[in-house]
Structures are given as C-alpha cells and as structure tokens.
Amino acid sequence: MLSAAQGGAEWALSALYRDLHPSLVRLLLAQEPAEGEDLASDVWVDVARGLGRFQGDESAFRCWLFTIARRRLIDLRRSRARRRTAPVDHFIDRPDSRDPFAGVETGEALMYLAALPPAQAEIVLLRVVGGLDSYEVAAVTGRKPGTVRVMQKRALERLAELMSFDAEVHVTR
C-alpha cells in the first residue's frame, strides 16, 4: 500500500490516511486541544510533499508521520512562546471506534495525563494513541528505547497511583 501511495495511487494514499489519521488527530488534540485538527492537516501536507522521497516500510512510515507531528507541535509551542499567548484549556472530544481511548471519558484521561511530566505524557500518548512500539517512540522523540520504556513504566505507575487514589476518595464519600 505504501509503495502504491508513493507511486501516486489515490486509493493507497486514502487508505493510509483512513488508517492513521484518527490516531494522529487524537494525539495532537491531547497535546494541543485548540490546534490539533489544524496541526494534523499540516502534518498531512508535509507527508504529501515528502512522500516521494520517503524510504522505508509501513512501520517506518508511522514513525515518520508521528515525527512530523511532534515537530509541528514543537514549532507551534515555540511560536506561541514568542507571541506569549496562553494555551486554551478545553478539549474537543472526537470519538473513533478504532481509538484505544474509545469508551474512556476524555476529560478524565486528560486530567490524569496532565498530572504527568510532559515528556512522560508524550510517551504514553505515542505508545497508546499512536500505536508505536518503544523503538518507534525512541525514533520519534530522539531517545533510546530503554529510556522510553523506563519513562513509560514510571508514567504508568504514576497513573495507577492517581487512579487508585481517586477510586479511594470516591469510595469514602
């Protein structure tokens, strides 16, 4: 499918888009709720521009896609810091049946993710929403796979603590 898309087959590019776009949008919305949709569009424009030069298999393509997304996020945050604007603190819920977060209250999930250090939250999102393995996350973030696994473990331990604390609070009320 990837080679067909690189060759200009519209059906193949459409299939890649249908397969990867929901995860891409969820990841970007979780990172930047007000800008996620626009960032996703920018990512696909970058993909279209570079697809002919891309070399690798479908796994490498996923890494490339999420690397572009991460760089777009970094660019947005840098430009925002230069303009000194405040981020918007709301989230537009876009449920998708293929999304691993489907059925989970988005606001609650974001509340827990916000309690994590940004780097840990990014790794959890890339692993869960992006569907990337630790080697792919390492390639996207510029970290070693072992570092990714350690950060993910710490993040999941922290999330478990937060969730069990909340469960205890709800039971005692």
Protein backbone atom coordinates (compact mmCIF):
# COMPACT_ATOMS: atom_id res chain seq x y z
CA MET A 1 0.00 0.00 0.00
CA LEU A 2 2.82 2.42 0.89
CA SER A 3 4.65 1.89 -2.39
CA ALA A 4 1.38 2.41 -4.27
CA ALA A 5 0.83 5.69 -2.41
CA GLN A 6 4.36 6.77 -3.27
CA GLY A 7 3.58 5.96 -6.88
CA GLY A 8 0.61 8.31 -6.81
CA ALA A 9 -2.26 5.85 -6.32
CA GLU A 10 -5.05 7.85 -4.72
CA TRP A 11 -6.69 4.75 -3.23
CA ALA A 12 -3.47 3.88 -1.39
CA LEU A 13 -2.97 7.37 -0.02
CA SER A 14 -6.62 7.39 1.06
CA ALA A 15 -6.15 4.06 2.81
CA LEU A 16 -3.08 5.32 4.68
CA TYR A 17 -4.99 8.43 5.69
CA ARG A 18 -8.03 6.46 6.91
CA ASP A 19 -5.78 4.13 8.87
CA LEU A 20 -3.51 6.69 10.54
CA HIS A 21 -5.45 9.96 10.70
CA PRO A 22 -7.67 9.12 13.71
CA SER A 23 -4.66 8.27 15.88
CA LEU A 24 -2.78 11.30 14.65
CA VAL A 25 -5.66 13.65 15.44
CA ARG A 26 -6.25 12.16 18.89
CA LEU A 27 -2.56 12.52 19.73
CA LEU A 28 -2.45 16.13 18.57
CA LEU A 29 -5.73 17.05 20.28
CA ALA A 30 -4.45 15.57 23.53
CA GLN A 31 -1.31 17.70 23.25
CA GLU A 32 -2.90 20.88 21.86
CA PRO A 33 -6.72 20.80 22.07
CA ALA A 34 -7.32 24.04 20.22
CA GLU A 35 -4.83 23.35 17.44
CA GLY A 36 -4.94 19.56 16.96
CA GLU A 37 -7.06 19.48 13.80
CA ASP A 38 -5.00 22.21 12.12
CA LEU A 39 -1.75 20.53 13.09
CA ALA A 40 -2.97 17.23 11.65
CA SER A 41 -3.74 18.95 8.36
CA ASP A 42 -0.26 20.48 8.33
CA VAL A 43 1.27 17.07 9.01
CA TRP A 44 -0.54 15.53 6.03
CA VAL A 45 0.62 18.41 3.81
CA ASP A 46 4.19 17.68 4.89
CA VAL A 47 3.65 13.97 4.23
CA ALA A 48 2.32 14.71 0.74
CA ARG A 49 5.35 16.88 0.00
CA GLY A 50 7.87 14.30 1.18
CA LEU A 51 6.18 11.01 0.31
CA GLY A 52 8.09 10.59 -2.94
CA ARG A 53 11.40 10.86 -1.10
CA PHE A 54 10.38 8.64 1.83
CA GLN A 55 12.22 5.31 2.11
CA GLY A 56 11.14 2.53 4.44
CA ASP A 57 8.34 0.16 5.32
CA GLU A 58 4.95 0.92 6.85
CA SER A 59 6.37 0.87 10.39
CA ALA A 60 8.97 3.44 9.38
CA PHE A 61 6.19 5.46 7.75
CA ARG A 62 4.25 5.55 11.05
CA CYS A 63 7.39 6.77 12.81
CA TRP A 64 7.94 9.38 10.15
CA LEU A 65 4.33 10.58 10.40
CA PHE A 66 4.50 10.95 14.20
CA THR A 67 7.93 12.58 13.98
CA ILE A 68 6.46 15.21 11.68
CA ALA A 69 3.57 15.65 14.13
CA ARG A 70 5.95 16.07 17.04
CA ARG A 71 7.99 18.65 15.14
CA ARG A 72 4.81 20.55 14.27
CA LEU A 73 3.89 20.58 17.98
CA ILE A 74 7.33 21.89 18.88
CA ASP A 75 7.09 24.59 16.20
CA LEU A 76 3.65 25.64 17.44
CA ARG A 77 4.83 25.87 21.04
CA ARG A 78 7.90 27.88 20.05
CA SER A 79 5.84 30.34 18.04
CA ARG A 80 3.31 30.60 20.87
CA ALA A 81 6.09 31.31 23.35
CA ARG A 82 7.37 34.09 21.11
CA ARG A 83 3.87 35.58 20.92
CA ARG A 84 3.25 34.94 24.62
CA THR A 85 -0.27 33.64 24.19
CA ALA A 86 -1.98 31.43 26.75
CA PRO A 87 -2.98 27.90 25.78
CA VAL A 88 -6.66 27.02 25.61
CA ASP A 89 -7.72 24.61 28.35
CA HIS A 90 -10.51 22.70 26.66
CA PHE A 91 -10.73 19.52 24.63
CA ILE A 92 -12.99 18.65 21.74
CA ASP A 93 -13.97 15.00 22.07
CA ARG A 94 -13.85 13.17 18.76
CA PRO A 95 -14.65 9.52 19.47
CA ASP A 96 -13.43 6.96 17.00
CA SER A 97 -14.22 3.26 17.14
CA ARG A 98 -10.59 2.30 16.37
CA ASP A 99 -9.18 4.55 19.10
CA PRO A 100 -7.85 2.75 22.18
CA PHE A 101 -9.37 5.54 24.31
CA ALA A 102 -12.87 4.89 22.95
CA GLY A 103 -15.26 4.45 25.83
CA VAL A 104 -12.98 6.28 28.27
CA GLU A 105 -14.04 9.71 29.47
CA THR A 106 -11.70 12.01 27.56
CA GLY A 107 -11.69 14.75 30.17
CA GLU A 108 -10.76 12.29 32.89
CA ALA A 109 -7.98 10.74 30.80
CA LEU A 110 -6.58 14.20 30.03
CA MET A 111 -6.74 15.15 33.70
CA TYR A 112 -4.55 12.16 34.55
CA LEU A 113 -2.17 12.82 31.66
CA ALA A 114 -1.84 16.47 32.73
CA ALA A 115 -0.57 15.26 36.10
CA LEU A 116 2.41 13.62 34.40
CA PRO A 117 5.59 15.42 33.35
CA PRO A 118 5.16 16.47 29.69
CA ALA A 119 7.80 14.03 28.41
CA GLN A 120 6.09 11.09 30.13
CA ALA A 121 2.67 12.15 28.84
CA GLU A 122 4.09 12.38 25.32
CA ILE A 123 5.47 8.85 25.52
CA VAL A 124 2.19 7.43 26.82
CA LEU A 125 0.29 9.17 24.03
CA LEU A 126 2.66 7.98 21.32
CA ARG A 127 2.51 4.42 22.65
CA VAL A 128 -1.24 4.24 23.27
CA VAL A 129 -2.81 6.65 20.78
CA GLY A 130 -0.10 6.48 18.15
CA GLY A 131 0.22 2.72 18.48
CA LEU A 132 4.01 2.93 18.25
CA ASP A 133 6.35 0.45 19.94
CA SER A 134 9.21 1.60 22.17
CA TYR A 135 11.72 1.58 19.29
CA GLU A 136 9.42 3.72 17.16
CA VAL A 137 8.75 6.13 20.03
CA ALA A 138 12.51 6.35 20.55
CA ALA A 139 12.96 7.26 16.89
CA VAL A 140 10.23 9.91 17.07
CA THR A 141 11.43 11.52 20.31
CA GLY A 142 15.19 11.12 19.85
CA ARG A 143 15.52 8.98 22.97
CA LYS A 144 16.92 5.49 23.46
CA PRO A 145 14.37 2.63 23.51
CA GLY A 146 15.40 1.74 27.07
CA THR A 147 14.77 5.31 28.18
CA VAL A 148 11.35 5.21 26.54
CA ARG A 149 10.46 2.00 28.39
CA VAL A 150 11.63 3.42 31.75
CA MET A 151 9.69 6.65 31.21
CA GLN A 152 6.60 4.70 30.20
CA LYS A 153 6.88 2.46 33.28
CA ARG A 154 7.19 5.48 35.57
CA ALA A 155 4.27 7.19 33.85
CA LEU A 156 2.05 4.14 34.17
CA GLU A 157 2.99 3.71 37.83
CA ARG A 158 2.10 7.35 38.48
CA LEU A 159 -1.19 6.99 36.61
CA ALA A 160 -2.02 3.89 38.67
CA GLU A 161 -1.33 5.83 41.88
CA LEU A 162 -3.52 8.72 40.79
CA MET A 163 -6.35 6.48 39.69
CA SER A 164 -6.29 4.35 42.84
CA PHE A 165 -6.25 7.49 44.99
CA ASP A 166 -9.28 8.83 43.12
CA ALA A 167 -11.05 5.49 43.50
CA GLU A 168 -10.42 5.55 47.27
CA VAL A 169 -11.74 9.10 47.54
CA HIS A 170 -14.92 8.16 45.66
CA VAL A 171 -15.48 5.09 47.88
CA THR A 172 -15.11 7.04 51.14
CA ARG A 173 -17.56 9.75 50.09
